[in-house]
Amino acid sequence: MELGKVYKGVSVDEFHVKREGDSFLVSFSFVTSDETVRLKVSGVRVSDNLCEILSADRLWVEKSEGSQVEFGGYTLGVSHEYYTEIVFDALL
């Protein structure tokens, strides 16, 4: 998954969550009109919105602004009926 690219018309076909200490490792794949994309991230500390990935119509990843971020260096944007952010530490 490319940083800053917005993937539209996505259909998530695989989704996995694994606990790693006080955070989660999340991996999933989705299909757009012309490609299958896989994403694996670590350091997800808040799991409340993870199910929103399954309903996503648009997905994108951004690097968080600022150099003094203690955790959550990246944001996964999820959009369908509304917008959700999932913050995580690293792209794997």
PDB file of N, CA and C in Angstrom:
ATOM      1  N   MET A   1       0.859  -1.170   0.000  1.00  0.00           N
ATOM      2  CA  MET A   1       0.000   0.000   0.000  1.00  0.00           C
ATOM      3  C   MET A   1       0.902   1.229   0.000  1.00  0.00           C
ATOM      4  N   GLU A   2       0.645   2.147  -0.886  1.00  0.00           N
ATOM      5  CA  GLU A   2       1.467   3.346  -1.027  1.00  0.00           C
ATOM      6  C   GLU A   2       1.002   4.448  -0.082  1.00  0.00           C
ATOM      7  N   LEU A   3       1.970   5.118   0.547  1.00  0.00           N
ATOM      8  CA  LEU A   3       1.649   6.259   1.404  1.00  0.00           C
ATOM      9  C   LEU A   3       0.992   7.358   0.587  1.00  0.00           C
ATOM     10  N   GLY A   4      -0.083   7.917   1.104  1.00  0.00           N
ATOM     11  CA  GLY A   4      -0.739   9.047   0.464  1.00  0.00           C
ATOM     12  C   GLY A   4      -1.677   8.712  -0.678  1.00  0.00           C
ATOM     13  N   LYS A   5      -1.656   7.488  -1.163  1.00  0.00           N
ATOM     14  CA  LYS A   5      -2.552   7.102  -2.256  1.00  0.00           C
ATOM     15  C   LYS A   5      -3.913   6.717  -1.679  1.00  0.00           C
ATOM     16  N   VAL A   6      -4.981   7.235  -2.276  1.00  0.00           N
ATOM     17  CA  VAL A   6      -6.338   6.888  -1.849  1.00  0.00           C
ATOM     18  C   VAL A   6      -6.845   5.768  -2.749  1.00  0.00           C
ATOM     19  N   TYR A   7      -7.171   4.648  -2.145  1.00  0.00           N
ATOM     20  CA  TYR A   7      -7.723   3.503  -2.869  1.00  0.00           C
ATOM     21  C   TYR A   7      -9.240   3.592  -2.778  1.00  0.00           C
ATOM     22  N   LYS A   8      -9.901   3.655  -3.930  1.00  0.00           N
ATOM     23  CA  LYS A   8     -11.357   3.838  -3.978  1.00  0.00           C
ATOM     24  C   LYS A   8     -12.043   2.565  -4.448  1.00  0.00           C
ATOM     25  N   GLY A   9     -13.292   2.409  -4.038  1.00  0.00           N
ATOM     26  CA  GLY A   9     -14.079   1.255  -4.450  1.00  0.00           C
ATOM     27  C   GLY A   9     -13.495  -0.054  -3.947  1.00  0.00           C
ATOM     28  N   VAL A  10     -12.967  -0.049  -2.726  1.00  0.00           N
ATOM     29  CA  VAL A  10     -12.298  -1.233  -2.200  1.00  0.00           C
ATOM     30  C   VAL A  10     -13.298  -2.251  -1.674  1.00  0.00           C
ATOM     31  N   SER A  11     -12.870  -3.494  -1.707  1.00  0.00           N
ATOM     32  CA  SER A  11     -13.624  -4.595  -1.117  1.00  0.00           C
ATOM     33  C   SER A  11     -12.629  -5.426  -0.315  1.00  0.00           C
ATOM     34  N   VAL A  12     -12.737  -5.380   1.011  1.00  0.00           N
ATOM     35  CA  VAL A  12     -11.817  -6.107   1.880  1.00  0.00           C
ATOM     36  C   VAL A  12     -12.199  -7.578   1.853  1.00  0.00           C
ATOM     37  N   ASP A  13     -11.223  -8.437   1.507  1.00  0.00           N
ATOM     38  CA  ASP A  13     -11.533  -9.858   1.398  1.00  0.00           C
ATOM     39  C   ASP A  13     -10.817 -10.722   2.434  1.00  0.00           C
ATOM     40  N   GLU A  14      -9.896 -10.137   3.193  1.00  0.00           N
ATOM     41  CA  GLU A  14      -9.199 -10.883   4.240  1.00  0.00           C
ATOM     42  C   GLU A  14      -8.803  -9.909   5.345  1.00  0.00           C
ATOM     43  N   PHE A  15      -8.936 -10.337   6.620  1.00  0.00           N
ATOM     44  CA  PHE A  15      -8.697  -9.436   7.747  1.00  0.00           C
ATOM     45  C   PHE A  15      -8.241 -10.255   8.955  1.00  0.00           C
ATOM     46  N   HIS A  16      -7.079  -9.910   9.534  1.00  0.00           N
ATOM     47  CA  HIS A  16      -6.528 -10.639  10.684  1.00  0.00           C
ATOM     48  C   HIS A  16      -6.055  -9.655  11.751  1.00  0.00           C
ATOM     49  N   VAL A  17      -6.271 -10.012  13.008  1.00  0.00           N
ATOM     50  CA  VAL A  17      -5.804  -9.210  14.142  1.00  0.00           C
ATOM     51  C   VAL A  17      -5.115 -10.155  15.124  1.00  0.00           C
ATOM     52  N   LYS A  18      -3.914  -9.744  15.581  1.00  0.00           N
ATOM     53  CA  LYS A  18      -3.166 -10.542  16.550  1.00  0.00           C
ATOM     54  C   LYS A  18      -2.664  -9.629  17.662  1.00  0.00           C
ATOM     55  N   ARG A  19      -2.892 -10.024  18.906  1.00  0.00           N
ATOM     56  CA  ARG A  19      -2.409  -9.238  20.044  1.00  0.00           C
ATOM     57  C   ARG A  19      -0.905  -9.440  20.185  1.00  0.00           C
ATOM     58  N   GLU A  20      -0.195  -8.326  20.401  1.00  0.00           N
ATOM     59  CA  GLU A  20       1.244  -8.349  20.671  1.00  0.00           C
ATOM     60  C   GLU A  20       1.506  -7.451  21.875  1.00  0.00           C
ATOM     61  N   GLY A  21       1.443  -8.019  23.077  1.00  0.00           N
ATOM     62  CA  GLY A  21       1.627  -7.226  24.292  1.00  0.00           C
ATOM     63  C   GLY A  21       0.472  -6.266  24.488  1.00  0.00           C
ATOM     64  N   ASP A  22       0.786  -4.963  24.501  1.00  0.00           N
ATOM     65  CA  ASP A  22      -0.255  -3.951  24.722  1.00  0.00           C
ATOM     66  C   ASP A  22      -0.800  -3.347  23.430  1.00  0.00           C
ATOM     67  N   SER A  23      -0.454  -3.955  22.297  1.00  0.00           N
ATOM     68  CA  SER A  23      -0.951  -3.445  21.015  1.00  0.00           C
ATOM     69  C   SER A  23      -1.347  -4.618  20.114  1.00  0.00           C
ATOM     70  N   PHE A  24      -1.729  -4.292  18.884  1.00  0.00           N
ATOM     71  CA  PHE A  24      -2.197  -5.306  17.948  1.00  0.00           C
ATOM     72  C   PHE A  24      -1.435  -5.224  16.634  1.00  0.00           C
ATOM     73  N   LEU A  25      -1.269  -6.372  16.010  1.00  0.00           N
ATOM     74  CA  LEU A  25      -0.751  -6.488  14.655  1.00  0.00           C
ATOM     75  C   LEU A  25      -1.968  -6.722  13.771  1.00  0.00           C
ATOM     76  N   VAL A  26      -2.147  -5.906  12.752  1.00  0.00           N
ATOM     77  CA  VAL A  26      -3.318  -5.998  11.883  1.00  0.00           C
ATOM     78  C   VAL A  26      -2.847  -6.208  10.454  1.00  0.00           C
ATOM     79  N   SER A  27      -3.425  -7.187   9.786  1.00  0.00           N
ATOM     80  CA  SER A  27      -3.124  -7.396   8.374  1.00  0.00           C
ATOM     81  C   SER A  27      -4.430  -7.640   7.635  1.00  0.00           C
ATOM     82  N   PHE A  28      -4.489  -7.128   6.423  1.00  0.00           N
ATOM     83  CA  PHE A  28      -5.672  -7.352   5.596  1.00  0.00           C
ATOM     84  C   PHE A  28      -5.320  -7.148   4.134  1.00  0.00           C
ATOM     85  N   SER A  29      -6.177  -7.657   3.284  1.00  0.00           N
ATOM     86  CA  SER A  29      -6.023  -7.428   1.849  1.00  0.00           C
ATOM     87  C   SER A  29      -7.360  -6.951   1.309  1.00  0.00           C
ATOM     88  N   PHE A  30      -7.261  -6.189   0.230  1.00  0.00           N
ATOM     89  CA  PHE A  30      -8.471  -5.687  -0.400  1.00  0.00           C
ATOM     90  C   PHE A  30      -8.268  -5.618  -1.902  1.00  0.00           C
ATOM     91  N   VAL A  31      -9.381  -5.574  -2.597  1.00  0.00           N
ATOM     92  CA  VAL A  31      -9.376  -5.517  -4.053  1.00  0.00           C
ATOM     93  C   VAL A  31      -9.934  -4.171  -4.475  1.00  0.00           C
ATOM     94  N   THR A  32      -9.249  -3.536  -5.421  1.00  0.00           N
ATOM     95  CA  THR A  32      -9.789  -2.352  -6.082  1.00  0.00           C
ATOM     96  C   THR A  32     -10.137  -2.775  -7.497  1.00  0.00           C
ATOM     97  N   SER A  33     -10.475  -1.848  -8.339  1.00  0.00           N
ATOM     98  CA  SER A  33     -10.903  -2.198  -9.694  1.00  0.00           C
ATOM     99  C   SER A  33      -9.842  -2.949 -10.486  1.00  0.00           C
ATOM    100  N   ASP A  34      -8.565  -2.708 -10.202  1.00  0.00           N
ATOM    101  CA  ASP A  34      -7.536  -3.319 -11.039  1.00  0.00           C
ATOM    102  C   ASP A  34      -6.397  -3.988 -10.277  1.00  0.00           C
ATOM    103  N   GLU A  35      -6.485  -4.102  -8.957  1.00  0.00           N
ATOM    104  CA  GLU A  35      -5.376  -4.704  -8.225  1.00  0.00           C
ATOM    105  C   GLU A  35      -5.810  -5.237  -6.861  1.00  0.00           C
ATOM    106  N   THR A  36      -5.014  -6.176  -6.347  1.00  0.00           N
ATOM    107  CA  THR A  36      -5.164  -6.656  -4.981  1.00  0.00           C
ATOM    108  C   THR A  36      -4.047  -6.033  -4.160  1.00  0.00           C
ATOM    109  N   VAL A  37      -4.398  -5.451  -3.017  1.00  0.00           N
ATOM    110  CA  VAL A  37      -3.436  -4.746  -2.172  1.00  0.00           C
ATOM    111  C   VAL A  37      -3.432  -5.398  -0.796  1.00  0.00           C
ATOM    112  N   ARG A  38      -2.231  -5.570  -0.232  1.00  0.00           N
ATOM    113  CA  ARG A  38      -2.087  -6.133   1.107  1.00  0.00           C
ATOM    114  C   ARG A  38      -1.460  -5.085   2.024  1.00  0.00           C
ATOM    115  N   LEU A  39      -1.897  -5.080   3.274  1.00  0.00           N
ATOM    116  CA  LEU A  39      -1.353  -4.150   4.255  1.00  0.00           C
ATOM    117  C   LEU A  39      -1.156  -4.890   5.569  1.00  0.00           C
ATOM    118  N   LYS A  40       0.010  -4.673   6.185  1.00  0.00           N
ATOM    119  CA  LYS A  40       0.308  -5.246   7.496  1.00  0.00           C
ATOM    120  C   LYS A  40       0.899  -4.129   8.339  1.00  0.00           C
ATOM    121  N   VAL A  41       0.287  -3.874   9.490  1.00  0.00           N
ATOM    122  CA  VAL A  41       0.729  -2.786  10.365  1.00  0.00           C
ATOM    123  C   VAL A  41       0.878  -3.306  11.787  1.00  0.00           C
ATOM    124  N   SER A  42       1.765  -2.669  12.544  1.00  0.00           N
ATOM    125  CA  SER A  42       1.947  -3.034  13.951  1.00  0.00           C
ATOM    126  C   SER A  42       1.769  -1.801  14.821  1.00  0.00           C
ATOM    127  N   GLY A  43       1.543  -2.063  16.091  1.00  0.00           N
ATOM    128  CA  GLY A  43       1.429  -0.967  17.043  1.00  0.00           C
ATOM    129  C   GLY A  43       0.079  -0.288  17.068  1.00  0.00           C
ATOM    130  N   VAL A  44      -0.976  -1.013  16.732  1.00  0.00           N
ATOM    131  CA  VAL A  44      -2.331  -0.463  16.865  1.00  0.00           C
ATOM    132  C   VAL A  44      -2.707  -0.594  18.338  1.00  0.00           C
ATOM    133  N   ARG A  45      -2.899   0.518  19.019  1.00  0.00           N
ATOM    134  CA  ARG A  45      -3.178   0.484  20.457  1.00  0.00           C
ATOM    135  C   ARG A  45      -4.671   0.583  20.786  1.00  0.00           C
ATOM    136  N   VAL A  46      -5.445   1.158  19.903  1.00  0.00           N
ATOM    137  CA  VAL A  46      -6.891   1.287  20.112  1.00  0.00           C
ATOM    138  C   VAL A  46      -7.581   0.420  19.061  1.00  0.00           C
ATOM    139  N   SER A  47      -8.278  -0.612  19.531  1.00  0.00           N
ATOM    140  CA  SER A  47      -8.885  -1.572  18.608  1.00  0.00           C
ATOM    141  C   SER A  47     -10.355  -1.294  18.309  1.00  0.00           C
ATOM    142  N   ASP A  48     -10.931  -0.276  18.919  1.00  0.00           N
ATOM    143  CA  ASP A  48     -12.369  -0.015  18.809  1.00  0.00           C
ATOM    144  C   ASP A  48     -12.873   0.105  17.376  1.00  0.00           C
ATOM    145  N   ASN A  49     -12.099   0.706  16.486  1.00  0.00           N
ATOM    146  CA  ASN A  49     -12.571   0.984  15.131  1.00  0.00           C
ATOM    147  C   ASN A  49     -12.069   0.005  14.077  1.00  0.00           C
ATOM    148  N   LEU A  50     -11.393  -1.060  14.485  1.00  0.00           N
ATOM    149  CA  LEU A  50     -10.830  -1.979  13.496  1.00  0.00           C
ATOM    150  C   LEU A  50     -11.890  -2.603  12.593  1.00  0.00           C
ATOM    151  N   CYS A  51     -13.079  -2.865  13.123  1.00  0.00           N
ATOM    152  CA  CYS A  51     -14.135  -3.480  12.311  1.00  0.00           C
ATOM    153  C   CYS A  51     -14.577  -2.572  11.163  1.00  0.00           C
ATOM    154  N   GLU A  52     -14.300  -1.278  11.255  1.00  0.00           N
ATOM    155  CA  GLU A  52     -14.659  -0.347  10.178  1.00  0.00           C
ATOM    156  C   GLU A  52     -13.922  -0.672   8.881  1.00  0.00           C
ATOM    157  N   ILE A  53     -12.758  -1.314   8.990  1.00  0.00           N
ATOM    158  CA  ILE A  53     -11.988  -1.695   7.797  1.00  0.00           C
ATOM    159  C   ILE A  53     -12.823  -2.599   6.901  1.00  0.00           C
ATOM    160  N   LEU A  54     -13.608  -3.482   7.496  1.00  0.00           N
ATOM    161  CA  LEU A  54     -14.405  -4.436   6.719  1.00  0.00           C
ATOM    162  C   LEU A  54     -15.463  -3.762   5.854  1.00  0.00           C
ATOM    163  N   SER A  55     -15.927  -2.588   6.241  1.00  0.00           N
ATOM    164  CA  SER A  55     -16.963  -1.868   5.496  1.00  0.00           C
ATOM    165  C   SER A  55     -16.404  -0.770   4.600  1.00  0.00           C
ATOM    166  N   ALA A  56     -15.100  -0.650   4.541  1.00  0.00           N
ATOM    167  CA  ALA A  56     -14.468   0.478   3.851  1.00  0.00           C
ATOM    168  C   ALA A  56     -14.827   0.549   2.373  1.00  0.00           C
ATOM    169  N   ASP A  57     -15.017   1.778   1.906  1.00  0.00           N
ATOM    170  CA  ASP A  57     -15.154   2.069   0.485  1.00  0.00           C
ATOM    171  C   ASP A  57     -13.878   2.723  -0.041  1.00  0.00           C
ATOM    172  N   ARG A  58     -13.220   3.494   0.849  1.00  0.00           N
ATOM    173  CA  ARG A  58     -11.939   4.132   0.516  1.00  0.00           C
ATOM    174  C   ARG A  58     -10.960   3.914   1.664  1.00  0.00           C
ATOM    175  N   LEU A  59      -9.678   3.672   1.319  1.00  0.00           N
ATOM    176  CA  LEU A  59      -8.617   3.477   2.308  1.00  0.00           C
ATOM    177  C   LEU A  59      -7.378   4.250   1.888  1.00  0.00           C
ATOM    178  N   TRP A  60      -6.617   4.761   2.867  1.00  0.00           N
ATOM    179  CA  TRP A  60      -5.341   5.417   2.586  1.00  0.00           C
ATOM    180  C   TRP A  60      -4.491   5.411   3.849  1.00  0.00           C
ATOM    181  N   VAL A  61      -3.170   5.551   3.676  1.00  0.00           N
ATOM    182  CA  VAL A  61      -2.233   5.614   4.794  1.00  0.00           C
ATOM    183  C   VAL A  61      -1.451   6.908   4.690  1.00  0.00           C
ATOM    184  N   GLU A  62      -1.322   7.604   5.821  1.00  0.00           N
ATOM    185  CA  GLU A  62      -0.548   8.848   5.890  1.00  0.00           C
ATOM    186  C   GLU A  62       0.466   8.743   7.012  1.00  0.00           C
ATOM    187  N   LYS A  63       1.612   9.363   6.831  1.00  0.00           N
ATOM    188  CA  LYS A  63       2.603   9.468   7.902  1.00  0.00           C
ATOM    189  C   LYS A  63       2.191  10.635   8.788  1.00  0.00           C
ATOM    190  N   SER A  64       2.211  10.413  10.098  1.00  0.00           N
ATOM    191  CA  SER A  64       1.806  11.461  11.036  1.00  0.00           C
ATOM    192  C   SER A  64       2.784  12.620  11.005  1.00  0.00           C
ATOM    193  N   GLU A  65       2.254  13.819  11.159  1.00  0.00           N
ATOM    194  CA  GLU A  65       3.083  15.028  11.177  1.00  0.00           C
ATOM    195  C   GLU A  65       3.798  15.151  12.515  1.00  0.00           C
ATOM    196  N   GLY A  66       4.961  15.781  12.492  1.00  0.00           N
ATOM    197  CA  GLY A  66       5.707  16.026  13.729  1.00  0.00           C
ATOM    198  C   GLY A  66       6.715  14.936  14.000  1.00  0.00           C
ATOM    199  N   SER A  67       7.849  15.316  14.511  1.00  0.00           N
ATOM    200  CA  SER A  67       8.924  14.359  14.756  1.00  0.00           C
ATOM    201  C   SER A  67       8.942  13.842  16.189  1.00  0.00           C
ATOM    202  N   GLN A  68       8.085  14.353  17.052  1.00  0.00           N
ATOM    203  CA  GLN A  68       8.106  13.939  18.448  1.00  0.00           C
ATOM    204  C   GLN A  68       6.901  13.079  18.808  1.00  0.00           C
ATOM    205  N   VAL A  69       6.475  12.252  17.864  1.00  0.00           N
ATOM    206  CA  VAL A  69       5.353  11.355  18.110  1.00  0.00           C
ATOM    207  C   VAL A  69       5.856  10.189  18.953  1.00  0.00           C
ATOM    208  N   GLU A  70       5.271  10.007  20.135  1.00  0.00           N
ATOM    209  CA  GLU A  70       5.696   8.929  21.029  1.00  0.00           C
ATOM    210  C   GLU A  70       5.287   7.569  20.464  1.00  0.00           C
ATOM    211  N   PHE A  71       4.097   7.481  19.950  1.00  0.00           N
ATOM    212  CA  PHE A  71       3.624   6.291  19.249  1.00  0.00           C
ATOM    213  C   PHE A  71       2.597   6.746  18.228  1.00  0.00           C
ATOM    214  N   GLY A  72       2.271   5.871  17.298  1.00  0.00           N
ATOM    215  CA  GLY A  72       1.293   6.230  16.276  1.00  0.00           C
ATOM    216  C   GLY A  72       1.880   7.073  15.174  1.00  0.00           C
ATOM    217  N   GLY A  73       2.962   6.623  14.578  1.00  0.00           N
ATOM    218  CA  GLY A  73       3.626   7.369  13.521  1.00  0.00           C
ATOM    219  C   GLY A  73       2.870   7.407  12.206  1.00  0.00           C
ATOM    220  N   TYR A  74       1.826   6.588  12.076  1.00  0.00           N
ATOM    221  CA  TYR A  74       1.046   6.512  10.839  1.00  0.00           C
ATOM    222  C   TYR A  74      -0.446   6.510  11.159  1.00  0.00           C
ATOM    223  N   THR A  75      -1.228   6.878  10.156  1.00  0.00           N
ATOM    224  CA  THR A  75      -2.682   6.854  10.276  1.00  0.00           C
ATOM    225  C   THR A  75      -3.267   6.136   9.073  1.00  0.00           C
ATOM    226  N   LEU A  76      -4.159   5.185   9.331  1.00  0.00           N
ATOM    227  CA  LEU A  76      -4.937   4.535   8.283  1.00  0.00           C
ATOM    228  C   LEU A  76      -6.281   5.238   8.236  1.00  0.00           C
ATOM    229  N   GLY A  77      -6.596   5.839   7.108  1.00  0.00           N
ATOM    230  CA  GLY A  77      -7.888   6.479   6.917  1.00  0.00           C
ATOM    231  C   GLY A  77      -8.871   5.489   6.326  1.00  0.00           C
ATOM    232  N   VAL A  78     -10.055   5.421   6.901  1.00  0.00           N
ATOM    233  CA  VAL A  78     -11.101   4.505   6.455  1.00  0.00           C
ATOM    234  C   VAL A  78     -12.360   5.324   6.219  1.00  0.00           C
ATOM    235  N   SER A  79     -12.942   5.186   5.040  1.00  0.00           N
ATOM    236  CA  SER A  79     -14.144   5.943   4.728  1.00  0.00           C
ATOM    237  C   SER A  79     -15.185   5.021   4.112  1.00  0.00           C
ATOM    238  N   HIS A  80     -16.409   5.138   4.586  1.00  0.00           N
ATOM    239  CA  HIS A  80     -17.583   4.535   3.938  1.00  0.00           C
ATOM    240  C   HIS A  80     -18.725   5.490   4.187  1.00  0.00           C
ATOM    241  N   GLU A  81     -19.582   5.279   5.161  1.00  0.00           N
ATOM    242  CA  GLU A  81     -20.636   6.252   5.456  1.00  0.00           C
ATOM    243  C   GLU A  81     -20.096   7.434   6.240  1.00  0.00           C
ATOM    244  N   TYR A  82     -18.989   7.245   6.910  1.00  0.00           N
ATOM    245  CA  TYR A  82     -18.308   8.309   7.647  1.00  0.00           C
ATOM    246  C   TYR A  82     -16.819   7.998   7.670  1.00  0.00           C
ATOM    247  N   TYR A  83     -16.033   8.875   8.267  1.00  0.00           N
ATOM    248  CA  TYR A  83     -14.582   8.792   8.266  1.00  0.00           C
ATOM    249  C   TYR A  83     -14.065   8.287   9.610  1.00  0.00           C
ATOM    250  N   THR A  84     -13.116   7.351   9.572  1.00  0.00           N
ATOM    251  CA  THR A  84     -12.497   6.803  10.772  1.00  0.00           C
ATOM    252  C   THR A  84     -10.984   6.811  10.595  1.00  0.00           C
ATOM    253  N   GLU A  85     -10.253   7.090  11.671  1.00  0.00           N
ATOM    254  CA  GLU A  85      -8.793   7.010  11.659  1.00  0.00           C
ATOM    255  C   GLU A  85      -8.344   5.895  12.585  1.00  0.00           C
ATOM    256  N   ILE A  86      -7.370   5.114  12.119  1.00  0.00           N
ATOM    257  CA  ILE A  86      -6.748   4.083  12.939  1.00  0.00           C
ATOM    258  C   ILE A  86      -5.261   4.409  12.984  1.00  0.00           C
ATOM    259  N   VAL A  87      -4.758   4.668  14.176  1.00  0.00           N
ATOM    260  CA  VAL A  87      -3.369   5.088  14.356  1.00  0.00           C
ATOM    261  C   VAL A  87      -2.518   3.862  14.676  1.00  0.00           C
ATOM    262  N   PHE A  88      -1.317   3.795  14.077  1.00  0.00           N
ATOM    263  CA  PHE A  88      -0.423   2.667  14.311  1.00  0.00           C
ATOM    264  C   PHE A  88       1.028   3.120  14.228  1.00  0.00           C
ATOM    265  N   ASP A  89       1.946   2.233  14.652  1.00  0.00           N
ATOM    266  CA  ASP A  89       3.361   2.592  14.753  1.00  0.00           C
ATOM    267  C   ASP A  89       4.169   2.352  13.480  1.00  0.00           C
ATOM    268  N   ALA A  90       3.927   1.232  12.791  1.00  0.00           N
ATOM    269  CA  ALA A  90       4.810   0.887  11.674  1.00  0.00           C
ATOM    270  C   ALA A  90       4.093   0.106  10.589  1.00  0.00           C
ATOM    271  N   LEU A  91       4.523   0.344   9.356  1.00  0.00           N
ATOM    272  CA  LEU A  91       4.127  -0.467   8.208  1.00  0.00           C
ATOM    273  C   LEU A  91       5.101  -1.636   8.131  1.00  0.00           C
ATOM    274  N   LEU A  92       4.599  -2.829   7.938  1.00  0.00           N
ATOM    275  CA  LEU A  92       5.476  -4.003   7.841  1.00  0.00           C
ATOM    276  C   LEU A  92       5.494  -4.549   6.433  1.00  0.00           C
TER     277      LEU A  92
END
